[in-house]
Amino acid sequence: MTQDSTEPPRRTVAIIDDHEMFRTGVRAEIEQHVDVVGEAGDVDSALELLGREQPDVVLLDVHMPGGGGIEVIRRHRSASSKFLALSVSDAAEDVIGVIRAGARGYVTKNISGTELLDSIERVAGGDAVFSPRLAGFVLDAFAGTIEIAQVDDDLDRLTDREREVMRLIARGYAYKEAAAELFISVKTVETHVSKVLRKLQLSSRHELARWANDRRLI
């Protein structure tokens, strides 16, 4: 059977995420409605895939090996592909950072399949798409409510892993819970927390929680 000439062409989509099971789940949700042209789990393989396929929309995780989603956006120089961040993180600095790099939208991983397909179509059509809470971060950033430069300067002192630990501890996770969430030992969590407190010149978990909350990082 030939395709109805009145039907619009299917969007082409690439899925970039370092968790294979998540990529598989996203593909299963969307592939009946879009053409998934490939998957990648790190920056280098993502750039190779995108250079080869030039998809309409790139579903992109923020934190990945090799520099993360921002690095992919910066290094993939193509006007034909539009980036939609799809991340577990809802932290202000992640949202603002990826949008500043050039993404057209940012949604969190609790989004439904139907909502994700709608977001893909809207981004492909040139719209900007955000989960409702995240849109406020972007508006506040442009309004000057969030002091982006200061947040960036503070966070630049921390490694990616230290940021992950910082966010969990600031949200009230016990060391054991944070260790289980990140698949690392409790001792490693304690080491990271000590380094975070020292780098940020804070003296306790309570101060860390207040610091992170003031900067909308949790």
N, C-alpha and C. Protein backbone atom coordinates (compact mmCIF):
# COMPACT_ATOMS: atom_id res chain seq x y z
N MET A 1 0.85 -1.19 0.00
CA MET A 1 0.00 0.00 0.00
C MET A 1 0.89 1.24 0.00
N THR A 2 0.61 2.20 -0.88
CA THR A 2 1.41 3.42 -0.94
C THR A 2 0.88 4.42 0.08
N GLN A 3 1.79 5.25 0.55
CA GLN A 3 1.41 6.26 1.53
C GLN A 3 0.56 7.33 0.88
N ASP A 4 -0.49 7.76 1.57
CA ASP A 4 -1.36 8.84 1.11
C ASP A 4 -0.52 10.09 0.91
N SER A 5 -0.61 10.66 -0.28
CA SER A 5 0.23 11.82 -0.59
C SER A 5 -0.14 13.04 0.24
N THR A 6 -1.36 13.00 0.86
CA THR A 6 -1.78 14.13 1.67
C THR A 6 -1.20 14.06 3.09
N GLU A 7 -0.67 12.92 3.48
CA GLU A 7 -0.10 12.79 4.82
C GLU A 7 1.25 13.50 4.90
N PRO A 8 1.51 14.21 5.99
CA PRO A 8 2.82 14.86 6.14
C PRO A 8 3.90 13.81 6.32
N PRO A 9 5.13 14.10 5.93
CA PRO A 9 6.22 13.14 6.13
C PRO A 9 6.46 12.91 7.62
N ARG A 10 6.86 11.69 7.96
CA ARG A 10 7.16 11.38 9.35
C ARG A 10 8.45 12.08 9.78
N ARG A 11 8.45 12.56 10.99
CA ARG A 11 9.64 13.21 11.53
C ARG A 11 10.72 12.17 11.79
N THR A 12 11.96 12.57 11.57
CA THR A 12 13.09 11.69 11.92
C THR A 12 13.65 12.12 13.26
N VAL A 13 13.95 11.14 14.11
CA VAL A 13 14.34 11.42 15.49
C VAL A 13 15.54 10.56 15.87
N ALA A 14 16.49 11.15 16.59
CA ALA A 14 17.60 10.40 17.20
C ALA A 14 17.44 10.47 18.72
N ILE A 15 17.79 9.38 19.40
CA ILE A 15 17.67 9.31 20.85
C ILE A 15 19.08 9.22 21.44
N ILE A 16 19.46 10.24 22.22
CA ILE A 16 20.80 10.30 22.79
C ILE A 16 20.68 10.26 24.31
N ASP A 17 21.10 9.15 24.89
CA ASP A 17 21.01 8.96 26.34
C ASP A 17 21.96 7.84 26.72
N ASP A 18 22.60 7.95 27.87
CA ASP A 18 23.59 6.93 28.24
C ASP A 18 22.98 5.71 28.93
N HIS A 19 21.66 5.66 29.07
CA HIS A 19 21.00 4.50 29.65
C HIS A 19 20.25 3.74 28.55
N GLU A 20 20.76 2.57 28.21
CA GLU A 20 20.20 1.80 27.09
C GLU A 20 18.74 1.44 27.32
N MET A 21 18.39 1.06 28.55
CA MET A 21 17.01 0.69 28.83
C MET A 21 16.06 1.86 28.63
N PHE A 22 16.52 3.05 28.98
CA PHE A 22 15.68 4.23 28.76
C PHE A 22 15.51 4.48 27.27
N ARG A 23 16.58 4.37 26.50
CA ARG A 23 16.47 4.57 25.06
C ARG A 23 15.48 3.58 24.45
N THR A 24 15.56 2.34 24.90
CA THR A 24 14.66 1.30 24.39
C THR A 24 13.21 1.65 24.70
N GLY A 25 12.96 2.14 25.91
CA GLY A 25 11.61 2.52 26.29
C GLY A 25 11.07 3.69 25.49
N VAL A 26 11.91 4.69 25.26
CA VAL A 26 11.49 5.85 24.47
C VAL A 26 11.19 5.42 23.03
N ARG A 27 12.06 4.61 22.47
CA ARG A 27 11.84 4.12 21.10
C ARG A 27 10.50 3.40 20.99
N ALA A 28 10.21 2.54 21.97
CA ALA A 28 8.95 1.78 21.94
C ALA A 28 7.74 2.71 22.00
N GLU A 29 7.89 3.83 22.72
CA GLU A 29 6.77 4.77 22.86
C GLU A 29 6.49 5.56 21.59
N ILE A 30 7.53 5.86 20.81
CA ILE A 30 7.35 6.83 19.73
C ILE A 30 7.50 6.28 18.33
N GLU A 31 8.09 5.08 18.17
CA GLU A 31 8.49 4.66 16.83
C GLU A 31 7.34 4.33 15.89
N GLN A 32 6.13 4.19 16.39
CA GLN A 32 4.99 3.99 15.49
C GLN A 32 4.57 5.30 14.82
N HIS A 33 5.07 6.41 15.33
CA HIS A 33 4.62 7.71 14.82
C HIS A 33 5.75 8.55 14.23
N VAL A 34 7.00 8.21 14.54
CA VAL A 34 8.16 8.91 13.97
C VAL A 34 9.17 7.87 13.53
N ASP A 35 10.13 8.27 12.71
CA ASP A 35 11.20 7.37 12.29
C ASP A 35 12.42 7.59 13.18
N VAL A 36 12.70 6.61 14.04
CA VAL A 36 13.88 6.69 14.89
C VAL A 36 15.09 6.24 14.07
N VAL A 37 15.97 7.17 13.76
CA VAL A 37 17.08 6.88 12.84
C VAL A 37 18.32 6.36 13.55
N GLY A 38 18.32 6.37 14.89
CA GLY A 38 19.47 5.84 15.60
C GLY A 38 19.49 6.25 17.05
N GLU A 39 20.39 5.61 17.79
CA GLU A 39 20.57 5.89 19.22
C GLU A 39 22.07 6.03 19.50
N ALA A 40 22.38 6.75 20.58
CA ALA A 40 23.77 6.87 21.01
C ALA A 40 23.79 7.08 22.52
N GLY A 41 24.92 6.69 23.14
CA GLY A 41 25.02 6.76 24.59
C GLY A 41 26.12 7.65 25.13
N ASP A 42 26.86 8.32 24.24
CA ASP A 42 27.89 9.25 24.69
C ASP A 42 28.08 10.32 23.62
N VAL A 43 28.89 11.31 23.95
CA VAL A 43 29.03 12.47 23.07
C VAL A 43 29.60 12.10 21.71
N ASP A 44 30.68 11.34 21.67
CA ASP A 44 31.35 11.03 20.41
C ASP A 44 30.45 10.22 19.48
N SER A 45 29.78 9.19 20.01
CA SER A 45 28.90 8.38 19.16
C SER A 45 27.68 9.18 18.74
N ALA A 46 27.24 10.11 19.60
CA ALA A 46 26.12 10.98 19.23
C ALA A 46 26.48 11.87 18.05
N LEU A 47 27.66 12.46 18.09
CA LEU A 47 28.09 13.34 17.01
C LEU A 47 28.23 12.58 15.70
N GLU A 48 28.73 11.36 15.78
CA GLU A 48 28.85 10.53 14.58
C GLU A 48 27.48 10.23 13.99
N LEU A 49 26.54 9.86 14.86
CA LEU A 49 25.17 9.56 14.41
C LEU A 49 24.50 10.78 13.79
N LEU A 50 24.59 11.91 14.46
CA LEU A 50 23.91 13.11 13.98
C LEU A 50 24.53 13.62 12.68
N GLY A 51 25.84 13.50 12.55
CA GLY A 51 26.48 13.91 11.31
C GLY A 51 26.06 13.06 10.14
N ARG A 52 25.80 11.80 10.40
CA ARG A 52 25.41 10.86 9.35
C ARG A 52 23.93 10.99 8.98
N GLU A 53 23.07 11.12 9.99
CA GLU A 53 21.63 11.03 9.75
C GLU A 53 20.92 12.38 9.63
N GLN A 54 21.46 13.42 10.28
CA GLN A 54 20.82 14.75 10.26
C GLN A 54 19.32 14.67 10.59
N PRO A 55 18.95 14.14 11.73
CA PRO A 55 17.52 13.99 12.07
C PRO A 55 16.83 15.33 12.28
N ASP A 56 15.50 15.31 12.16
CA ASP A 56 14.73 16.53 12.40
C ASP A 56 14.84 16.96 13.86
N VAL A 57 14.71 15.99 14.77
CA VAL A 57 14.72 16.28 16.21
C VAL A 57 15.66 15.32 16.92
N VAL A 58 16.43 15.86 17.85
CA VAL A 58 17.34 15.06 18.67
C VAL A 58 16.83 15.09 20.11
N LEU A 59 16.43 13.93 20.63
CA LEU A 59 16.08 13.81 22.04
C LEU A 59 17.38 13.61 22.81
N LEU A 60 17.68 14.52 23.70
CA LEU A 60 19.04 14.60 24.24
C LEU A 60 19.03 14.66 25.76
N ASP A 61 19.75 13.71 26.40
CA ASP A 61 19.95 13.78 27.84
C ASP A 61 20.97 14.87 28.14
N VAL A 62 20.90 15.40 29.35
CA VAL A 62 21.80 16.50 29.72
C VAL A 62 23.14 15.98 30.22
N HIS A 63 23.12 14.94 31.06
CA HIS A 63 24.34 14.43 31.66
C HIS A 63 24.72 13.10 31.02
N MET A 64 25.86 13.09 30.32
CA MET A 64 26.34 11.89 29.64
C MET A 64 27.86 11.88 29.67
N PRO A 65 28.47 10.71 29.44
CA PRO A 65 29.93 10.65 29.34
C PRO A 65 30.46 11.49 28.18
N GLY A 66 31.57 12.16 28.39
CA GLY A 66 32.22 12.88 27.30
C GLY A 66 31.86 14.34 27.20
N GLY A 67 31.12 14.87 28.18
CA GLY A 67 30.84 16.29 28.14
C GLY A 67 29.37 16.66 28.24
N GLY A 68 28.49 15.69 28.08
CA GLY A 68 27.07 15.94 28.27
C GLY A 68 26.38 16.51 27.05
N GLY A 69 25.07 16.72 27.21
CA GLY A 69 24.24 17.18 26.10
C GLY A 69 24.66 18.53 25.55
N ILE A 70 25.12 19.42 26.42
CA ILE A 70 25.54 20.74 25.95
C ILE A 70 26.69 20.61 24.96
N GLU A 71 27.60 19.67 25.22
CA GLU A 71 28.73 19.48 24.32
C GLU A 71 28.27 18.98 22.95
N VAL A 72 27.26 18.13 22.93
CA VAL A 72 26.70 17.64 21.66
C VAL A 72 26.14 18.81 20.86
N ILE A 73 25.36 19.66 21.51
CA ILE A 73 24.75 20.80 20.82
C ILE A 73 25.83 21.73 20.26
N ARG A 74 26.83 22.00 21.05
CA ARG A 74 27.88 22.94 20.62
C ARG A 74 28.68 22.42 19.44
N ARG A 75 28.88 21.11 19.41
CA ARG A 75 29.76 20.54 18.38
C ARG A 75 29.02 20.08 17.12
N HIS A 76 27.70 19.93 17.21
CA HIS A 76 26.94 19.53 16.02
C HIS A 76 26.43 20.78 15.32
N ARG A 77 27.13 21.18 14.31
CA ARG A 77 26.79 22.42 13.61
C ARG A 77 25.86 22.11 12.43
N SER A 78 24.57 22.11 12.69
CA SER A 78 23.61 21.85 11.63
C SER A 78 22.31 22.56 11.95
N ALA A 79 21.84 23.35 11.00
CA ALA A 79 20.58 24.06 11.20
C ALA A 79 19.38 23.14 11.02
N SER A 80 19.60 21.96 10.45
CA SER A 80 18.47 21.08 10.14
C SER A 80 17.98 20.30 11.35
N SER A 81 18.82 20.09 12.34
CA SER A 81 18.43 19.31 13.53
C SER A 81 18.08 20.25 14.68
N LYS A 82 16.97 19.95 15.34
CA LYS A 82 16.56 20.73 16.51
C LYS A 82 16.65 19.83 17.74
N PHE A 83 17.12 20.39 18.85
CA PHE A 83 17.37 19.62 20.06
C PHE A 83 16.24 19.81 21.08
N LEU A 84 15.78 18.68 21.60
CA LEU A 84 14.81 18.68 22.69
C LEU A 84 15.42 17.91 23.85
N ALA A 85 15.78 18.61 24.92
CA ALA A 85 16.36 17.95 26.08
C ALA A 85 15.29 17.09 26.77
N LEU A 86 15.67 15.85 27.08
CA LEU A 86 14.78 14.92 27.77
C LEU A 86 15.58 14.36 28.93
N SER A 87 15.35 14.89 30.12
CA SER A 87 16.26 14.62 31.23
C SER A 87 15.51 14.34 32.52
N VAL A 88 16.15 13.58 33.40
CA VAL A 88 15.59 13.36 34.74
C VAL A 88 15.77 14.61 35.59
N SER A 89 16.73 15.45 35.23
CA SER A 89 17.03 16.64 36.02
C SER A 89 16.02 17.75 35.74
N ASP A 90 15.55 18.38 36.82
CA ASP A 90 14.71 19.57 36.67
C ASP A 90 15.36 20.77 37.36
N ALA A 91 16.69 20.72 37.45
CA ALA A 91 17.42 21.80 38.11
C ALA A 91 17.56 23.00 37.17
N ALA A 92 17.49 24.18 37.76
CA ALA A 92 17.50 25.41 36.97
C ALA A 92 18.74 25.52 36.10
N GLU A 93 19.92 25.17 36.66
CA GLU A 93 21.15 25.38 35.88
C GLU A 93 21.22 24.45 34.68
N ASP A 94 20.62 23.25 34.79
CA ASP A 94 20.60 22.34 33.65
C ASP A 94 19.68 22.86 32.55
N VAL A 95 18.49 23.32 32.97
CA VAL A 95 17.52 23.85 32.00
C VAL A 95 18.10 25.05 31.28
N ILE A 96 18.60 25.99 32.03
CA ILE A 96 19.11 27.23 31.44
C ILE A 96 20.36 26.97 30.61
N GLY A 97 21.23 26.09 31.11
CA GLY A 97 22.46 25.80 30.38
C GLY A 97 22.21 25.19 29.02
N VAL A 98 21.30 24.24 28.92
CA VAL A 98 21.05 23.57 27.65
C VAL A 98 20.30 24.48 26.68
N ILE A 99 19.45 25.36 27.21
CA ILE A 99 18.75 26.31 26.34
C ILE A 99 19.73 27.35 25.82
N ARG A 100 20.62 27.81 26.67
CA ARG A 100 21.64 28.76 26.22
C ARG A 100 22.54 28.15 25.15
N ALA A 101 22.76 26.83 25.23
CA ALA A 101 23.60 26.15 24.23
C ALA A 101 22.90 26.05 22.88
N GLY A 102 21.56 26.10 22.87
CA GLY A 102 20.87 26.06 21.59
C GLY A 102 19.70 25.10 21.49
N ALA A 103 19.33 24.41 22.57
CA ALA A 103 18.17 23.52 22.52
C ALA A 103 16.89 24.32 22.36
N ARG A 104 15.89 23.69 21.72
CA ARG A 104 14.61 24.36 21.49
C ARG A 104 13.58 24.02 22.57
N GLY A 105 13.93 23.10 23.46
CA GLY A 105 12.98 22.74 24.50
C GLY A 105 13.62 21.86 25.55
N TYR A 106 12.88 21.66 26.63
CA TYR A 106 13.39 20.86 27.74
C TYR A 106 12.19 20.25 28.45
N VAL A 107 12.12 18.92 28.47
CA VAL A 107 11.06 18.21 29.18
C VAL A 107 11.69 17.15 30.07
N THR A 108 10.99 16.78 31.11
CA THR A 108 11.52 15.80 32.06
C THR A 108 11.03 14.40 31.71
N LYS A 109 11.72 13.40 32.25
CA LYS A 109 11.50 12.02 31.83
C LYS A 109 10.21 11.40 32.36
N ASN A 110 9.46 12.13 33.16
CA ASN A 110 8.15 11.62 33.57
C ASN A 110 7.05 12.00 32.58
N ILE A 111 7.44 12.54 31.45
CA ILE A 111 6.49 12.92 30.41
C ILE A 111 5.85 11.67 29.80
N SER A 112 4.60 11.77 29.38
CA SER A 112 3.93 10.63 28.75
C SER A 112 4.36 10.51 27.29
N GLY A 113 4.12 9.34 26.70
CA GLY A 113 4.47 9.14 25.30
C GLY A 113 3.74 10.10 24.38
N THR A 114 2.47 10.33 24.66
CA THR A 114 1.68 11.26 23.85
C THR A 114 2.22 12.67 23.94
N GLU A 115 2.56 13.08 25.16
CA GLU A 115 3.12 14.43 25.35
C GLU A 115 4.48 14.57 24.67
N LEU A 116 5.27 13.50 24.71
CA LEU A 116 6.58 13.55 24.08
C LEU A 116 6.45 13.68 22.57
N LEU A 117 5.54 12.93 21.98
CA LEU A 117 5.31 13.03 20.53
C LEU A 117 4.85 14.44 20.15
N ASP A 118 3.98 15.02 20.97
CA ASP A 118 3.52 16.39 20.72
C ASP A 118 4.69 17.37 20.82
N SER A 119 5.57 17.15 21.80
CA SER A 119 6.73 18.03 21.96
C SER A 119 7.68 17.91 20.78
N ILE A 120 7.88 16.68 20.30
CA ILE A 120 8.74 16.47 19.13
C ILE A 120 8.18 17.22 17.93
N GLU A 121 6.89 17.10 17.70
CA GLU A 121 6.27 17.77 16.54
C GLU A 121 6.38 19.28 16.67
N ARG A 122 6.15 19.79 17.85
CA ARG A 122 6.20 21.24 18.04
C ARG A 122 7.62 21.78 17.87
N VAL A 123 8.61 21.07 18.41
CA VAL A 123 10.00 21.51 18.25
C VAL A 123 10.41 21.43 16.79
N ALA A 124 10.02 20.36 16.11
CA ALA A 124 10.34 20.22 14.68
C ALA A 124 9.73 21.36 13.87
N GLY A 125 8.57 21.84 14.32
CA GLY A 125 7.90 22.93 13.62
C GLY A 125 8.42 24.31 13.99
N GLY A 126 9.38 24.37 14.92
CA GLY A 126 9.99 25.65 15.26
C GLY A 126 9.57 26.24 16.58
N ASP A 127 8.66 25.56 17.31
CA ASP A 127 8.23 26.08 18.60
C ASP A 127 9.27 25.78 19.68
N ALA A 128 9.18 26.50 20.78
CA ALA A 128 9.94 26.19 21.98
C ALA A 128 9.01 25.46 22.95
N VAL A 129 9.50 24.37 23.54
CA VAL A 129 8.65 23.53 24.37
C VAL A 129 9.32 23.28 25.72
N PHE A 130 8.56 23.48 26.80
CA PHE A 130 9.07 23.23 28.15
C PHE A 130 7.99 22.58 28.99
N SER A 131 8.42 21.71 29.91
CA SER A 131 7.51 21.27 30.96
C SER A 131 7.11 22.51 31.75
N PRO A 132 5.88 22.57 32.26
CA PRO A 132 5.37 23.82 32.86
C PRO A 132 6.28 24.44 33.91
N ARG A 133 6.78 23.66 34.86
CA ARG A 133 7.63 24.22 35.92
C ARG A 133 8.93 24.76 35.35
N LEU A 134 9.46 24.10 34.32
CA LEU A 134 10.75 24.49 33.77
C LEU A 134 10.65 25.80 32.98
N ALA A 135 9.50 26.06 32.41
CA ALA A 135 9.31 27.31 31.67
C ALA A 135 9.55 28.51 32.59
N GLY A 136 9.19 28.36 33.86
CA GLY A 136 9.40 29.45 34.81
C GLY A 136 10.86 29.77 35.01
N PHE A 137 11.74 28.73 34.99
CA PHE A 137 13.17 28.96 35.12
C PHE A 137 13.67 29.86 33.99
N VAL A 138 13.23 29.55 32.78
CA VAL A 138 13.70 30.29 31.62
C VAL A 138 13.20 31.74 31.68
N LEU A 139 11.94 31.91 32.03
CA LEU A 139 11.39 33.27 32.15
C LEU A 139 12.12 34.06 33.24
N ASP A 140 12.39 33.40 34.38
CA ASP A 140 13.10 34.08 35.46
C ASP A 140 14.52 34.45 35.05
N ALA A 141 15.14 33.57 34.26
CA ALA A 141 16.50 33.84 33.82
C ALA A 141 16.55 35.09 32.94
N PHE A 142 15.59 35.18 32.00
CA PHE A 142 15.58 36.35 31.12
C PHE A 142 15.15 37.61 31.87
N ALA A 143 14.36 37.43 32.92
CA ALA A 143 13.91 38.58 33.71
C ALA A 143 14.97 39.04 34.70
N GLY A 144 16.02 38.21 34.86
CA GLY A 144 17.09 38.57 35.77
C GLY A 144 16.86 38.12 37.20
N THR A 145 15.78 37.36 37.44
CA THR A 145 15.50 36.89 38.80
C THR A 145 16.54 35.88 39.25
N ILE A 146 16.95 34.99 38.34
CA ILE A 146 18.00 34.03 38.64
C ILE A 146 19.33 34.62 38.16
N GLU A 147 20.29 34.70 39.05
CA GLU A 147 21.59 35.26 38.70
C GLU A 147 22.44 34.17 38.07
N ILE A 148 22.30 34.04 36.75
CA ILE A 148 22.92 32.93 36.01
C ILE A 148 24.44 32.91 36.18
N ALA A 149 25.06 34.07 36.04
CA ALA A 149 26.53 34.10 36.09
C ALA A 149 27.04 33.57 37.42
N GLN A 150 26.38 33.97 38.50
CA GLN A 150 26.83 33.53 39.82
C GLN A 150 26.61 32.03 40.00
N VAL A 151 25.45 31.54 39.55
CA VAL A 151 25.17 30.10 39.65
C VAL A 151 26.21 29.32 38.86
N ASP A 152 26.49 29.76 37.65
CA ASP A 152 27.48 29.08 36.81
C ASP A 152 28.85 29.08 37.48
N ASP A 153 29.23 30.22 38.06
CA ASP A 153 30.54 30.33 38.68
C ASP A 153 30.66 29.37 39.87
N ASP A 154 29.63 29.30 40.67
CA ASP A 154 29.63 28.39 41.82
C ASP A 154 29.71 26.93 41.36
N LEU A 155 28.91 26.59 40.38
CA LEU A 155 28.83 25.20 39.94
C LEU A 155 30.07 24.76 39.18
N ASP A 156 30.76 25.70 38.56
CA ASP A 156 31.99 25.36 37.84
C ASP A 156 33.05 24.77 38.76
N ARG A 157 32.92 25.02 40.05
CA ARG A 157 33.88 24.47 41.00
C ARG A 157 33.64 22.98 41.25
N LEU A 158 32.46 22.50 40.90
CA LEU A 158 32.08 21.13 41.20
C LEU A 158 32.19 20.24 39.96
N THR A 159 32.58 19.00 40.17
CA THR A 159 32.55 18.03 39.08
C THR A 159 31.10 17.59 38.85
N ASP A 160 30.84 16.90 37.72
CA ASP A 160 29.49 16.42 37.44
C ASP A 160 28.98 15.53 38.56
N ARG A 161 29.84 14.62 39.06
CA ARG A 161 29.42 13.72 40.13
C ARG A 161 29.14 14.49 41.42
N GLU A 162 29.96 15.48 41.70
CA GLU A 162 29.72 16.29 42.90
C GLU A 162 28.40 17.04 42.81
N ARG A 163 28.06 17.49 41.61
CA ARG A 163 26.76 18.16 41.43
C ARG A 163 25.61 17.19 41.70
N GLU A 164 25.74 15.97 41.19
CA GLU A 164 24.68 14.97 41.42
C GLU A 164 24.51 14.69 42.91
N VAL A 165 25.62 14.49 43.60
CA VAL A 165 25.57 14.23 45.04
C VAL A 165 25.01 15.44 45.77
N MET A 166 25.49 16.62 45.41
CA MET A 166 25.01 17.85 46.05
C MET A 166 23.50 17.97 45.96
N ARG A 167 22.95 17.71 44.77
CA ARG A 167 21.52 17.88 44.56
C ARG A 167 20.72 16.89 45.41
N LEU A 168 21.17 15.66 45.48
CA LEU A 168 20.46 14.65 46.27
C LEU A 168 20.51 14.97 47.75
N ILE A 169 21.69 15.31 48.24
CA ILE A 169 21.83 15.63 49.66
C ILE A 169 21.01 16.87 50.01
N ALA A 170 21.03 17.86 49.12
CA ALA A 170 20.26 19.08 49.37
C ALA A 170 18.76 18.81 49.38
N ARG A 171 18.33 17.76 48.67
CA ARG A 171 16.92 17.39 48.66
C ARG A 171 16.51 16.58 49.89
N GLY A 172 17.49 16.26 50.73
CA GLY A 172 17.18 15.55 51.95
C GLY A 172 17.48 14.07 51.95
N TYR A 173 18.14 13.58 50.90
CA TYR A 173 18.52 12.18 50.85
C TYR A 173 19.54 11.88 51.95
N ALA A 174 19.39 10.72 52.60
CA ALA A 174 20.45 10.23 53.49
C ALA A 174 21.62 9.76 52.63
N TYR A 175 22.80 9.67 53.23
CA TYR A 175 23.97 9.22 52.47
C TYR A 175 23.71 7.85 51.82
N LYS A 176 23.09 6.95 52.57
CA LYS A 176 22.82 5.62 52.06
C LYS A 176 21.87 5.67 50.87
N GLU A 177 20.87 6.54 50.93
CA GLU A 177 19.91 6.68 49.83
C GLU A 177 20.58 7.27 48.59
N ALA A 178 21.43 8.26 48.80
CA ALA A 178 22.15 8.87 47.68
C ALA A 178 23.08 7.86 47.04
N ALA A 179 23.74 7.04 47.87
CA ALA A 179 24.64 6.01 47.34
C ALA A 179 23.88 5.02 46.47
N ALA A 180 22.69 4.60 46.93
CA ALA A 180 21.89 3.66 46.16
C ALA A 180 21.40 4.29 44.85
N GLU A 181 21.03 5.55 44.90
CA GLU A 181 20.54 6.25 43.70
C GLU A 181 21.62 6.36 42.63
N LEU A 182 22.87 6.58 43.06
CA LEU A 182 23.97 6.81 42.12
C LEU A 182 24.85 5.59 41.90
N PHE A 183 24.50 4.48 42.56
CA PHE A 183 25.26 3.23 42.42
C PHE A 183 26.73 3.40 42.82
N ILE A 184 26.92 4.11 43.94
CA ILE A 184 28.26 4.28 44.49
C ILE A 184 28.20 3.95 45.98
N SER A 185 29.35 3.88 46.64
CA SER A 185 29.38 3.51 48.05
C SER A 185 29.03 4.71 48.93
N VAL A 186 28.60 4.40 50.16
CA VAL A 186 28.32 5.45 51.12
C VAL A 186 29.58 6.27 51.40
N LYS A 187 30.72 5.60 51.48
CA LYS A 187 31.98 6.29 51.72
C LYS A 187 32.28 7.29 50.60
N THR A 188 31.98 6.91 49.37
CA THR A 188 32.21 7.81 48.24
C THR A 188 31.29 9.02 48.33
N VAL A 189 30.04 8.80 48.73
CA VAL A 189 29.11 9.92 48.92
C VAL A 189 29.66 10.88 49.98
N GLU A 190 30.12 10.33 51.09
CA GLU A 190 30.68 11.17 52.16
C GLU A 190 31.86 12.00 51.66
N THR A 191 32.70 11.38 50.85
CA THR A 191 33.86 12.09 50.30
C THR A 191 33.42 13.23 49.40
N HIS A 192 32.44 12.95 48.53
CA HIS A 192 31.94 13.99 47.63
C HIS A 192 31.30 15.15 48.41
N VAL A 193 30.52 14.81 49.44
CA VAL A 193 29.87 15.87 50.23
C VAL A 193 30.92 16.76 50.90
N SER A 194 31.97 16.15 51.43
CA SER A 194 33.03 16.94 52.05
C SER A 194 33.67 17.89 51.05
N LYS A 195 33.91 17.40 49.84
CA LYS A 195 34.52 18.25 48.81
C LYS A 195 33.57 19.37 48.40
N VAL A 196 32.28 19.06 48.28
CA VAL A 196 31.29 20.07 47.90
C VAL A 196 31.23 21.17 48.96
N LEU A 197 31.16 20.79 50.21
CA LEU A 197 31.09 21.78 51.28
C LEU A 197 32.33 22.66 51.29
N ARG A 198 33.48 22.06 51.08
CA ARG A 198 34.72 22.83 51.08
C ARG A 198 34.75 23.80 49.89
N LYS A 199 34.41 23.31 48.71
CA LYS A 199 34.46 24.17 47.52
C LYS A 199 33.47 25.32 47.59
N LEU A 200 32.31 25.08 48.20
CA LEU A 200 31.29 26.11 48.27
C LEU A 200 31.39 26.92 49.56
N GLN A 201 32.37 26.59 50.39
CA GLN A 201 32.61 27.29 51.65
C GLN A 201 31.38 27.24 52.55
N LEU A 202 30.82 26.04 52.67
CA LEU A 202 29.68 25.79 53.54
C LEU A 202 30.12 24.84 54.64
N SER A 203 29.36 24.81 55.75
CA SER A 203 29.80 24.03 56.90
C SER A 203 28.90 22.86 57.25
N SER A 204 27.72 22.73 56.61
CA SER A 204 26.82 21.66 56.99
C SER A 204 25.86 21.33 55.86
N ARG A 205 25.20 20.17 55.98
CA ARG A 205 24.17 19.79 55.01
C ARG A 205 23.03 20.79 55.00
N HIS A 206 22.71 21.35 56.16
CA HIS A 206 21.61 22.32 56.23
C HIS A 206 21.95 23.58 55.43
N GLU A 207 23.18 24.03 55.54
CA GLU A 207 23.61 25.18 54.75
C GLU A 207 23.59 24.85 53.26
N LEU A 208 23.98 23.62 52.93
CA LEU A 208 23.98 23.19 51.54
C LEU A 208 22.57 23.20 50.98
N ALA A 209 21.61 22.70 51.76
CA ALA A 209 20.21 22.68 51.30
C ALA A 209 19.70 24.10 51.07
N ARG A 210 20.03 25.00 51.99
CA ARG A 210 19.61 26.40 51.83
C ARG A 210 20.28 27.04 50.62
N TRP A 211 21.57 26.76 50.43
CA TRP A 211 22.33 27.30 49.29
C TRP A 211 21.69 26.84 47.97
N ALA A 212 21.39 25.54 47.88
CA ALA A 212 20.82 24.99 46.65
C ALA A 212 19.41 25.51 46.41
N ASN A 213 18.62 25.63 47.47
CA ASN A 213 17.26 26.12 47.33
C ASN A 213 17.23 27.58 46.88
N ASP A 214 18.13 28.38 47.44
CA ASP A 214 18.19 29.80 47.05
C ASP A 214 18.50 29.96 45.56
N ARG A 215 19.24 29.00 45.00
CA ARG A 215 19.64 29.08 43.59
C ARG A 215 18.74 28.23 42.69
N ARG A 216 17.66 27.71 43.25
CA ARG A 216 16.69 26.90 42.51
C ARG A 216 17.32 25.68 41.86
N LEU A 217 18.21 25.04 42.59
CA LEU A 217 18.88 23.86 42.07
C LEU A 217 18.20 22.58 42.50
N ILE A 218 17.17 22.67 43.36
CA ILE A 218 16.44 21.50 43.82
C ILE A 218 14.95 21.73 43.68
